[in-house]
PDB file of N, CA and C in Angstrom:
ATOM      1  N   UNK A   1      92.085 105.048  86.710  1.00  0.00           N
ATOM      2  CA  UNK A   1      91.287 103.993  86.069  1.00  0.00           C
ATOM      3  C   UNK A   1      91.884 102.643  86.609  1.00  0.00           C
ATOM      4  N   UNK A   2      93.165 102.388  86.549  1.00  0.00           N
ATOM      5  CA  UNK A   2      93.732 101.127  87.094  1.00  0.00           C
ATOM      6  C   UNK A   2      93.374 100.915  88.553  1.00  0.00           C
ATOM      7  N   UNK A   3      93.265 102.037  89.350  1.00  0.00           N
ATOM      8  CA  UNK A   3      92.934 101.792  90.750  1.00  0.00           C
ATOM      9  C   UNK A   3      91.628 101.170  91.001  1.00  0.00           C
ATOM     10  N   UNK A   4      90.638 101.672  90.085  1.00  0.00           N
ATOM     11  CA  UNK A   4      89.311 101.055  90.103  1.00  0.00           C
ATOM     12  C   UNK A   4      89.342  99.615  89.802  1.00  0.00           C
ATOM     13  N   UNK A   5      89.993  99.172  88.752  1.00  0.00           N
ATOM     14  CA  UNK A   5      90.124  97.808  88.415  1.00  0.00           C
ATOM     15  C   UNK A   5      90.730  97.020  89.524  1.00  0.00           C
ATOM     16  N   UNK A   6      91.791  97.556  90.126  1.00  0.00           N
ATOM     17  CA  UNK A   6      92.523  96.906  91.108  1.00  0.00           C
ATOM     18  C   UNK A   6      91.615  96.641  92.340  1.00  0.00           C
ATOM     19  N   UNK A   7      90.920  97.671  92.797  1.00  0.00           N
ATOM     20  CA  UNK A   7      90.101  97.593  93.875  1.00  0.00           C
ATOM     21  C   UNK A   7      89.095  96.546  93.757  1.00  0.00           C
ATOM     22  N   UNK A   8      88.422  96.523  92.566  1.00  0.00           N
ATOM     23  CA  UNK A   8      87.337  95.445  92.391  1.00  0.00           C
ATOM     24  C   UNK A   8      87.983  93.994  92.557  1.00  0.00           C
ATOM     25  N   UNK A   9      89.154  93.779  91.924  1.00  0.00           N
ATOM     26  CA  UNK A   9      89.815  92.549  92.034  1.00  0.00           C
ATOM     27  C   UNK A   9      90.252  92.204  93.484  1.00  0.00           C
ATOM     28  N   UNK A  10      90.772  93.205  94.191  1.00  0.00           N
ATOM     29  CA  UNK A  10      91.165  92.979  95.602  1.00  0.00           C
ATOM     30  C   UNK A  10      89.845  92.672  96.425  1.00  0.00           C
ATOM     31  N   UNK A  11      88.745  93.317  96.139  1.00  0.00           N
ATOM     32  CA  UNK A  11      87.514  92.968  96.927  1.00  0.00           C
ATOM     33  C   UNK A  11      87.043  91.578  96.570  1.00  0.00           C
ATOM     34  N   UNK A  12      87.375  90.985  95.509  1.00  0.00           N
ATOM     35  CA  UNK A  12      86.853  89.705  95.003  1.00  0.00           C
ATOM     36  C   UNK A  12      87.777  88.587  95.460  1.00  0.00           C
ATOM     37  N   UNK A  13      88.984  88.822  96.087  1.00  0.00           N
ATOM     38  CA  UNK A  13      89.933  87.823  96.407  1.00  0.00           C
ATOM     39  C   UNK A  13      89.311  86.687  97.203  1.00  0.00           C
ATOM     40  N   UNK A  14      88.459  87.021  98.218  1.00  0.00           N
ATOM     41  CA  UNK A  14      87.948  85.920  99.037  1.00  0.00           C
ATOM     42  C   UNK A  14      87.052  85.041  98.221  1.00  0.00           C
ATOM     43  N   UNK A  15      86.358  85.577  97.165  1.00  0.00           N
ATOM     44  CA  UNK A  15      85.468  84.830  96.221  1.00  0.00           C
ATOM     45  C   UNK A  15      86.279  83.862  95.334  1.00  0.00           C
ATOM     46  N   UNK A  16      87.400  84.359  94.783  1.00  0.00           N
ATOM     47  CA  UNK A  16      88.050  83.575  93.863  1.00  0.00           C
ATOM     48  C   UNK A  16      89.577  84.036  93.740  1.00  0.00           C
ATOM     49  N   UNK A  17      90.266  83.551  94.765  1.00  0.00           N
ATOM     50  CA  UNK A  17      91.775  84.001  94.842  1.00  0.00           C
ATOM     51  C   UNK A  17      92.558  83.766  93.544  1.00  0.00           C
ATOM     52  N   UNK A  18      92.476  82.635  93.008  1.00  0.00           N
ATOM     53  CA  UNK A  18      93.280  82.287  91.854  1.00  0.00           C
ATOM     54  C   UNK A  18      93.107  83.190  90.691  1.00  0.00           C
ATOM     55  N   UNK A  19      91.841  83.542  90.308  1.00  0.00           N
ATOM     56  CA  UNK A  19      91.556  84.393  89.263  1.00  0.00           C
ATOM     57  C   UNK A  19      92.068  85.818  89.653  1.00  0.00           C
ATOM     58  N   UNK A  20      91.759  86.271  90.894  1.00  0.00           N
ATOM     59  CA  UNK A  20      92.110  87.611  91.249  1.00  0.00           C
ATOM     60  C   UNK A  20      93.616  87.826  91.220  1.00  0.00           C
ATOM     61  N   UNK A  21      94.298  86.844  91.802  1.00  0.00           N
ATOM     62  CA  UNK A  21      95.819  86.879  91.692  1.00  0.00           C
ATOM     63  C   UNK A  21      96.343  87.051  90.270  1.00  0.00           C
ATOM     64  N   UNK A  22      95.765  86.358  89.287  1.00  0.00           N
ATOM     65  CA  UNK A  22      96.152  86.506  87.900  1.00  0.00           C
ATOM     66  C   UNK A  22      95.934  87.987  87.425  1.00  0.00           C
ATOM     67  N   UNK A  23      94.684  88.447  87.650  1.00  0.00           N
ATOM     68  CA  UNK A  23      94.392  89.771  87.221  1.00  0.00           C
ATOM     69  C   UNK A  23      95.234  90.782  87.840  1.00  0.00           C
ATOM     70  N   UNK A  24      95.442  90.667  89.192  1.00  0.00           N
ATOM     71  CA  UNK A  24      96.246  91.667  89.990  1.00  0.00           C
ATOM     72  C   UNK A  24      97.741  91.601  89.511  1.00  0.00           C
ATOM     73  N   UNK A  25      98.242  90.479  89.106  1.00  0.00           N
ATOM     74  CA  UNK A  25      99.626  90.362  88.608  1.00  0.00           C
ATOM     75  C   UNK A  25      99.803  91.206  87.271  1.00  0.00           C
ATOM     76  N   UNK A  26      98.751  91.070  86.401  1.00  0.00           N
ATOM     77  CA  UNK A  26      98.785  91.849  85.179  1.00  0.00           C
ATOM     78  C   UNK A  26      98.624  93.274  85.461  1.00  0.00           C
ATOM     79  N   UNK A  27      97.850  93.636  86.381  1.00  0.00           N
ATOM     80  CA  UNK A  27      97.680  95.062  86.841  1.00  0.00           C
ATOM     81  C   UNK A  27      99.050  95.636  87.350  1.00  0.00           C
ATOM     82  N   UNK A  28      99.697  94.743  88.119  1.00  0.00           N
ATOM     83  CA  UNK A  28     100.979  95.210  88.715  1.00  0.00           C
ATOM     84  C   UNK A  28     102.007  95.476  87.581  1.00  0.00           C
ATOM     85  N   UNK A  29     101.854  94.728  86.492  1.00  0.00           N
ATOM     86  CA  UNK A  29     102.758  95.001  85.386  1.00  0.00           C
ATOM     87  C   UNK A  29     102.578  96.284  84.831  1.00  0.00           C
ATOM     88  N   UNK A  30     101.251  96.680  84.744  1.00  0.00           N
ATOM     89  CA  UNK A  30     100.962  98.030  84.224  1.00  0.00           C
ATOM     90  C   UNK A  30     101.358  99.088  85.176  1.00  0.00           C
ATOM     91  N   UNK A  31     101.151  98.941  86.440  1.00  0.00           N
ATOM     92  CA  UNK A  31     101.737  99.976  87.427  1.00  0.00           C
ATOM     93  C   UNK A  31     103.230 100.051  87.315  1.00  0.00           C
ATOM     94  N   UNK A  32     103.881  99.032  87.012  1.00  0.00           N
ATOM     95  CA  UNK A  32     105.397  99.066  86.955  1.00  0.00           C
ATOM     96  C   UNK A  32     105.799  99.841  85.627  1.00  0.00           C
ATOM     97  N   UNK A  33     105.067  99.688  84.634  1.00  0.00           N
ATOM     98  CA  UNK A  33     105.358 100.481  83.397  1.00  0.00           C
ATOM     99  C   UNK A  33     105.103 101.998  83.691  1.00  0.00           C
ATOM    100  N   UNK A  34     104.166 102.298  84.345  1.00  0.00           N
ATOM    101  CA  UNK A  34     103.800 103.735  84.659  1.00  0.00           C
ATOM    102  C   UNK A  34     104.814 104.299  85.612  1.00  0.00           C
ATOM    103  N   UNK A  35     105.236 103.481  86.608  1.00  0.00           N
ATOM    104  CA  UNK A  35     106.364 103.804  87.534  1.00  0.00           C
ATOM    105  C   UNK A  35     107.583 104.182  86.777  1.00  0.00           C
ATOM    106  N   UNK A  36     107.915 103.295  85.790  1.00  0.00           N
ATOM    107  CA  UNK A  36     109.146 103.491  85.020  1.00  0.00           C
ATOM    108  C   UNK A  36     109.083 104.839  84.253  1.00  0.00           C
ATOM    109  N   UNK A  37     107.911 105.044  83.645  1.00  0.00           N
ATOM    110  CA  UNK A  37     107.738 106.349  82.960  1.00  0.00           C
ATOM    111  C   UNK A  37     107.995 107.526  83.797  1.00  0.00           C
ATOM    112  N   UNK A  38     107.472 107.411  85.059  1.00  0.00           N
ATOM    113  CA  UNK A  38     107.625 108.593  85.949  1.00  0.00           C
ATOM    114  C   UNK A  38     109.051 108.736  86.475  1.00  0.00           C
ATOM    115  N   UNK A  39     109.692 107.619  86.769  1.00  0.00           N
ATOM    116  CA  UNK A  39     111.006 107.693  87.346  1.00  0.00           C
ATOM    117  C   UNK A  39     112.023 108.112  86.355  1.00  0.00           C
ATOM    118  N   UNK A  40     111.799 107.821  85.082  1.00  0.00           N
ATOM    119  CA  UNK A  40     112.733 108.241  83.997  1.00  0.00           C
ATOM    120  C   UNK A  40     112.426 109.577  83.473  1.00  0.00           C
ATOM    121  N   UNK A  41     111.297 110.208  83.963  1.00  0.00           N
ATOM    122  CA  UNK A  41     110.997 111.533  83.599  1.00  0.00           C
ATOM    123  C   UNK A  41     110.932 111.691  81.996  1.00  0.00           C
ATOM    124  N   UNK A  42     110.173 110.897  81.473  1.00  0.00           N
ATOM    125  CA  UNK A  42     110.059 110.705  79.999  1.00  0.00           C
ATOM    126  C   UNK A  42     109.204 111.904  79.399  1.00  0.00           C
ATOM    127  N   UNK A  43     109.492 112.231  78.168  1.00  0.00           N
ATOM    128  CA  UNK A  43     108.663 113.163  77.456  1.00  0.00           C
ATOM    129  C   UNK A  43     107.353 112.501  77.159  1.00  0.00           C
ATOM    130  N   UNK A  44     106.320 113.336  76.805  1.00  0.00           N
ATOM    131  CA  UNK A  44     105.023 112.756  76.454  1.00  0.00           C
ATOM    132  C   UNK A  44     105.107 111.753  75.285  1.00  0.00           C
ATOM    133  N   UNK A  45     105.959 112.056  74.306  1.00  0.00           N
ATOM    134  CA  UNK A  45     106.148 111.120  73.201  1.00  0.00           C
ATOM    135  C   UNK A  45     106.756 109.910  73.700  1.00  0.00           C
ATOM    136  N   UNK A  46     107.681 109.927  74.524  1.00  0.00           N
ATOM    137  CA  UNK A  46     108.417 108.746  75.037  1.00  0.00           C
ATOM    138  C   UNK A  46     107.469 107.945  75.954  1.00  0.00           C
ATOM    139  N   UNK A  47     106.625 108.634  76.735  1.00  0.00           N
ATOM    140  CA  UNK A  47     105.611 107.834  77.551  1.00  0.00           C
ATOM    141  C   UNK A  47     104.630 107.090  76.638  1.00  0.00           C
ATOM    142  N   UNK A  48     104.202 107.813  75.595  1.00  0.00           N
ATOM    143  CA  UNK A  48     103.220 107.194  74.651  1.00  0.00           C
ATOM    144  C   UNK A  48     103.882 105.940  74.026  1.00  0.00           C
ATOM    145  N   UNK A  49     105.154 106.115  73.515  1.00  0.00           N
ATOM    146  CA  UNK A  49     105.934 104.987  72.949  1.00  0.00           C
ATOM    147  C   UNK A  49     106.127 103.755  73.928  1.00  0.00           C
ATOM    148  N   UNK A  50     106.408 104.117  75.188  1.00  0.00           N
ATOM    149  CA  UNK A  50     106.545 103.115  76.195  1.00  0.00           C
ATOM    150  C   UNK A  50     105.219 102.400  76.372  1.00  0.00           C
ATOM    151  N   UNK A  51     104.209 103.156  76.519  1.00  0.00           N
ATOM    152  CA  UNK A  51     102.819 102.489  76.747  1.00  0.00           C
ATOM    153  C   UNK A  51     102.454 101.608  75.527  1.00  0.00           C
ATOM    154  N   UNK A  52     102.671 102.125  74.373  1.00  0.00           N
ATOM    155  CA  UNK A  52     102.387 101.390  73.153  1.00  0.00           C
ATOM    156  C   UNK A  52     103.140  99.982  73.102  1.00  0.00           C
ATOM    157  N   UNK A  53     104.409 100.082  73.474  1.00  0.00           N
ATOM    158  CA  UNK A  53     105.264  98.885  73.462  1.00  0.00           C
ATOM    159  C   UNK A  53     105.008  97.956  74.543  1.00  0.00           C
ATOM    160  N   UNK A  54     104.759  98.436  75.820  1.00  0.00           N
ATOM    161  CA  UNK A  54     104.718  97.574  76.989  1.00  0.00           C
ATOM    162  C   UNK A  54     103.302  97.429  77.521  1.00  0.00           C
ATOM    163  N   UNK A  55     102.543  98.471  77.622  1.00  0.00           N
ATOM    164  CA  UNK A  55     101.181  98.427  78.291  1.00  0.00           C
ATOM    165  C   UNK A  55     100.207  97.820  77.360  1.00  0.00           C
ATOM    166  N   UNK A  56     100.220  98.158  76.030  1.00  0.00           N
ATOM    167  CA  UNK A  56      99.124  97.614  75.173  1.00  0.00           C
ATOM    168  C   UNK A  56      99.137  96.125  75.204  1.00  0.00           C
ATOM    169  N   UNK A  57     100.264  95.372  75.083  1.00  0.00           N
ATOM    170  CA  UNK A  57     100.200  93.972  75.112  1.00  0.00           C
ATOM    171  C   UNK A  57      99.603  93.393  76.401  1.00  0.00           C
ATOM    172  N   UNK A  58      99.960  94.021  77.584  1.00  0.00           N
ATOM    173  CA  UNK A  58      99.460  93.589  78.838  1.00  0.00           C
ATOM    174  C   UNK A  58      97.978  93.850  78.887  1.00  0.00           C
ATOM    175  N   UNK A  59      97.583  95.026  78.543  1.00  0.00           N
ATOM    176  CA  UNK A  59      96.082  95.274  78.549  1.00  0.00           C
ATOM    177  C   UNK A  59      95.350  94.313  77.591  1.00  0.00           C
ATOM    178  N   UNK A  60      95.829  94.033  76.458  1.00  0.00           N
ATOM    179  CA  UNK A  60      95.253  93.085  75.599  1.00  0.00           C
ATOM    180  C   UNK A  60      95.108  91.680  76.219  1.00  0.00           C
ATOM    181  N   UNK A  61      96.305  91.256  76.865  1.00  0.00           N
ATOM    182  CA  UNK A  61      96.307  89.972  77.536  1.00  0.00           C
ATOM    183  C   UNK A  61      95.197  89.885  78.663  1.00  0.00           C
ATOM    184  N   UNK A  62      95.073  90.950  79.391  1.00  0.00           N
ATOM    185  CA  UNK A  62      94.171  91.092  80.495  1.00  0.00           C
ATOM    186  C   UNK A  62      92.626  91.037  79.952  1.00  0.00           C
ATOM    187  N   UNK A  63      92.456  91.758  78.966  1.00  0.00           N
ATOM    188  CA  UNK A  63      91.099  91.763  78.362  1.00  0.00           C
ATOM    189  C   UNK A  63      90.700  90.445  77.792  1.00  0.00           C
ATOM    190  N   UNK A  64      91.594  89.798  77.099  1.00  0.00           N
ATOM    191  CA  UNK A  64      91.325  88.428  76.547  1.00  0.00           C
ATOM    192  C   UNK A  64      91.092  87.448  77.645  1.00  0.00           C
ATOM    193  N   UNK A  65      91.886  87.533  78.705  1.00  0.00           N
ATOM    194  CA  UNK A  65      91.771  86.617  79.838  1.00  0.00           C
ATOM    195  C   UNK A  65      90.350  86.807  80.411  1.00  0.00           C
ATOM    196  N   UNK A  66      89.905  88.077  80.647  1.00  0.00           N
ATOM    197  CA  UNK A  66      88.628  88.411  81.305  1.00  0.00           C
ATOM    198  C   UNK A  66      87.458  87.882  80.380  1.00  0.00           C
ATOM    199  N   UNK A  67      87.594  88.030  79.088  1.00  0.00           N
ATOM    200  CA  UNK A  67      86.590  87.598  78.181  1.00  0.00           C
ATOM    201  C   UNK A  67      86.478  86.057  78.294  1.00  0.00           C
ATOM    202  N   UNK A  68      87.572  85.360  78.422  1.00  0.00           N
ATOM    203  CA  UNK A  68      87.649  83.957  78.484  1.00  0.00           C
ATOM    204  C   UNK A  68      87.172  83.438  79.814  1.00  0.00           C
ATOM    205  N   UNK A  69      87.431  84.115  80.852  1.00  0.00           N
ATOM    206  CA  UNK A  69      87.002  83.662  82.220  1.00  0.00           C
ATOM    207  C   UNK A  69      85.552  84.033  82.565  1.00  0.00           C
ATOM    208  N   UNK A  70      85.008  85.041  81.913  1.00  0.00           N
ATOM    209  CA  UNK A  70      83.703  85.569  82.343  1.00  0.00           C
ATOM    210  C   UNK A  70      82.635  84.457  82.233  1.00  0.00           C
ATOM    211  N   UNK A  71      82.566  83.602  81.197  1.00  0.00           N
ATOM    212  CA  UNK A  71      81.606  82.633  81.028  1.00  0.00           C
ATOM    213  C   UNK A  71      81.651  81.545  82.149  1.00  0.00           C
ATOM    214  N   UNK A  72      82.829  81.459  82.839  1.00  0.00           N
ATOM    215  CA  UNK A  72      83.113  80.452  83.850  1.00  0.00           C
ATOM    216  C   UNK A  72      82.723  80.806  85.269  1.00  0.00           C
ATOM    217  N   UNK A  73      82.282  82.143  85.427  1.00  0.00           N
ATOM    218  CA  UNK A  73      81.935  82.615  86.783  1.00  0.00           C
ATOM    219  C   UNK A  73      80.556  83.092  86.852  1.00  0.00           C
ATOM    220  N   UNK A  74      80.046  83.173  88.029  1.00  0.00           N
ATOM    221  CA  UNK A  74      78.608  83.678  88.240  1.00  0.00           C
ATOM    222  C   UNK A  74      78.673  85.187  87.997  1.00  0.00           C
ATOM    223  N   UNK A  75      77.919  85.733  87.138  1.00  0.00           N
ATOM    224  CA  UNK A  75      77.887  87.165  86.934  1.00  0.00           C
ATOM    225  C   UNK A  75      77.702  87.988  88.188  1.00  0.00           C
ATOM    226  N   UNK A  76      76.914  87.550  89.144  1.00  0.00           N
ATOM    227  CA  UNK A  76      76.662  88.369  90.273  1.00  0.00           C
ATOM    228  C   UNK A  76      77.630  88.016  91.449  1.00  0.00           C
ATOM    229  N   UNK A  77      78.629  87.123  91.217  1.00  0.00           N
ATOM    230  CA  UNK A  77      79.689  86.920  92.274  1.00  0.00           C
ATOM    231  C   UNK A  77      80.633  88.078  92.223  1.00  0.00           C
ATOM    232  N   UNK A  78      81.514  88.195  93.197  1.00  0.00           N
ATOM    233  CA  UNK A  78      82.410  89.211  93.326  1.00  0.00           C
ATOM    234  C   UNK A  78      83.410  89.262  92.172  1.00  0.00           C
ATOM    235  N   UNK A  79      83.874  88.080  91.743  1.00  0.00           N
ATOM    236  CA  UNK A  79      84.821  88.019  90.628  1.00  0.00           C
ATOM    237  C   UNK A  79      83.979  88.374  89.280  1.00  0.00           C
ATOM    238  N   UNK A  80      82.809  87.915  89.146  1.00  0.00           N
ATOM    239  CA  UNK A  80      82.007  88.270  88.042  1.00  0.00           C
ATOM    240  C   UNK A  80      81.731  89.754  87.979  1.00  0.00           C
ATOM    241  N   UNK A  81      81.448  90.335  89.059  1.00  0.00           N
ATOM    242  CA  UNK A  81      81.333  91.889  89.164  1.00  0.00           C
ATOM    243  C   UNK A  81      82.606  92.559  88.752  1.00  0.00           C
ATOM    244  N   UNK A  82      83.774  92.174  89.188  1.00  0.00           N
ATOM    245  CA  UNK A  82      84.998  92.714  88.974  1.00  0.00           C
ATOM    246  C   UNK A  82      85.331  92.613  87.395  1.00  0.00           C
ATOM    247  N   UNK A  83      85.147  91.428  86.863  1.00  0.00           N
ATOM    248  CA  UNK A  83      85.310  91.286  85.395  1.00  0.00           C
ATOM    249  C   UNK A  83      84.373  92.056  84.606  1.00  0.00           C
ATOM    250  N   UNK A  84      83.099  92.151  84.891  1.00  0.00           N
ATOM    251  CA  UNK A  84      82.139  92.942  84.273  1.00  0.00           C
ATOM    252  C   UNK A  84      82.499  94.422  84.289  1.00  0.00           C
ATOM    253  N   UNK A  85      82.812  94.824  85.472  1.00  0.00           N
ATOM    254  CA  UNK A  85      83.246  96.247  85.648  1.00  0.00           C
ATOM    255  C   UNK A  85      84.482  96.670  84.818  1.00  0.00           C
ATOM    256  N   UNK A  86      85.412  95.765  84.840  1.00  0.00           N
ATOM    257  CA  UNK A  86      86.657  96.082  84.003  1.00  0.00           C
ATOM    258  C   UNK A  86      86.392  95.969  82.543  1.00  0.00           C
ATOM    259  N   UNK A  87      85.658  95.055  82.154  1.00  0.00           N
ATOM    260  CA  UNK A  87      85.409  94.915  80.635  1.00  0.00           C
ATOM    261  C   UNK A  87      84.588  96.142  80.093  1.00  0.00           C
ATOM    262  N   UNK A  88      83.793  96.678  80.914  1.00  0.00           N
ATOM    263  CA  UNK A  88      83.001  97.880  80.414  1.00  0.00           C
ATOM    264  C   UNK A  88      83.756  99.035  80.310  1.00  0.00           C
ATOM    265  N   UNK A  89      85.044  99.101  80.871  1.00  0.00           N
ATOM    266  CA  UNK A  89      85.829 100.292  80.859  1.00  0.00           C
ATOM    267  C   UNK A  89      87.004  99.937  79.918  1.00  0.00           C
TER     268      UNK A  89
END
């Protein structure tokens, strides 16, 4: 799922670099959390706890940011499409 979000924002960089970089930075934080879970070979319960502690706040921040930014962009633009796609999932 994260790959799809990332791909949409990567494709939109030429349209709106600043917004895309912000979204991609937050997505990189999520990737880092998943990498940590994999590297530490955590149990399912530990992975869930890690995600609840670290990923949920980042996902919330990303969602709130997208909701705030969406009215500022053209819905049919690449960044508008990326935000719409991400918010629907």
